[in-house]
Amino acid sequence: MADDKSKAGGPDRDRINVHEDYELRDWSQKFGVTPEKLKEVVKKVGPMVTDVEKALK
């Protein structure tokens, strides 16, 4: 499903879309990991930011 940039809000900020270059870049930078590592973790635990953050700690 395409990311609708005109409808940014809570649900959009709760998920990481690794198919959007800017999200992959920004979240990788926030968590201090490579984009490849972030993709790996999202594949394992899903796209929810809280789950990804827990997995990276």
Protein backbone atom coordinates (compact mmCIF):
# COMPACT_ATOMS: atom_id res chain seq x y z
CA MET A 1 0.00 0.00 0.00
CA ALA A 2 1.37 3.39 -0.93
CA ASP A 3 2.15 5.92 1.77
CA ASP A 4 -0.37 8.78 1.54
CA LYS A 5 1.76 11.78 2.51
CA SER A 6 -1.33 14.01 2.66
CA LYS A 7 -2.64 12.00 5.62
CA ALA A 8 0.32 12.07 8.00
CA GLY A 9 -0.62 11.53 11.59
CA GLY A 10 -0.52 9.17 14.54
CA PRO A 11 -0.90 5.86 12.73
CA ASP A 12 1.68 6.91 10.14
CA ARG A 13 4.20 7.80 12.85
CA ASP A 14 3.67 4.49 14.65
CA ARG A 15 4.91 2.43 11.72
CA ILE A 16 8.14 2.21 9.75
CA ASN A 17 7.74 1.82 6.00
CA VAL A 18 11.07 0.42 4.81
CA HIS A 19 9.91 0.82 1.21
CA GLU A 20 10.07 4.62 1.47
CA ASP A 21 13.67 5.85 1.15
CA TYR A 22 13.15 8.86 3.42
CA GLU A 23 11.60 6.75 6.18
CA LEU A 24 14.34 4.15 5.95
CA ARG A 25 16.97 6.90 6.14
CA ASP A 26 15.32 8.82 8.99
CA TRP A 27 14.51 5.79 11.18
CA SER A 28 17.97 4.28 10.60
CA GLN A 29 19.52 7.53 11.72
CA LYS A 30 17.22 7.79 14.76
CA PHE A 31 18.08 4.28 15.93
CA GLY A 32 21.76 4.50 14.95
CA VAL A 33 21.70 1.43 12.70
CA THR A 34 22.28 0.77 9.03
CA PRO A 35 19.29 0.69 6.69
CA GLU A 36 19.99 -3.01 6.12
CA LYS A 37 19.85 -3.73 9.86
CA LEU A 38 16.60 -1.79 10.17
CA LYS A 39 15.04 -3.78 7.31
CA GLU A 40 16.14 -7.01 8.99
CA VAL A 41 14.57 -6.04 12.32
CA VAL A 42 11.32 -4.83 10.69
CA LYS A 43 11.09 -8.14 8.83
CA LYS A 44 11.53 -10.00 12.12
CA VAL A 45 9.27 -7.99 14.49
CA GLY A 46 7.03 -6.00 12.15
CA PRO A 47 6.75 -2.29 11.30
CA MET A 48 5.58 -0.91 14.68
CA VAL A 49 8.11 1.62 16.01
CA THR A 50 7.78 0.39 19.61
CA ASP A 51 8.51 -3.22 18.59
CA VAL A 52 11.50 -2.21 16.47
CA GLU A 53 12.87 -0.05 19.28
CA LYS A 54 12.59 -2.93 21.78
CA ALA A 55 14.30 -5.34 19.39
CA LEU A 56 17.22 -2.95 18.89
CA LYS A 57 17.88 -2.48 22.62
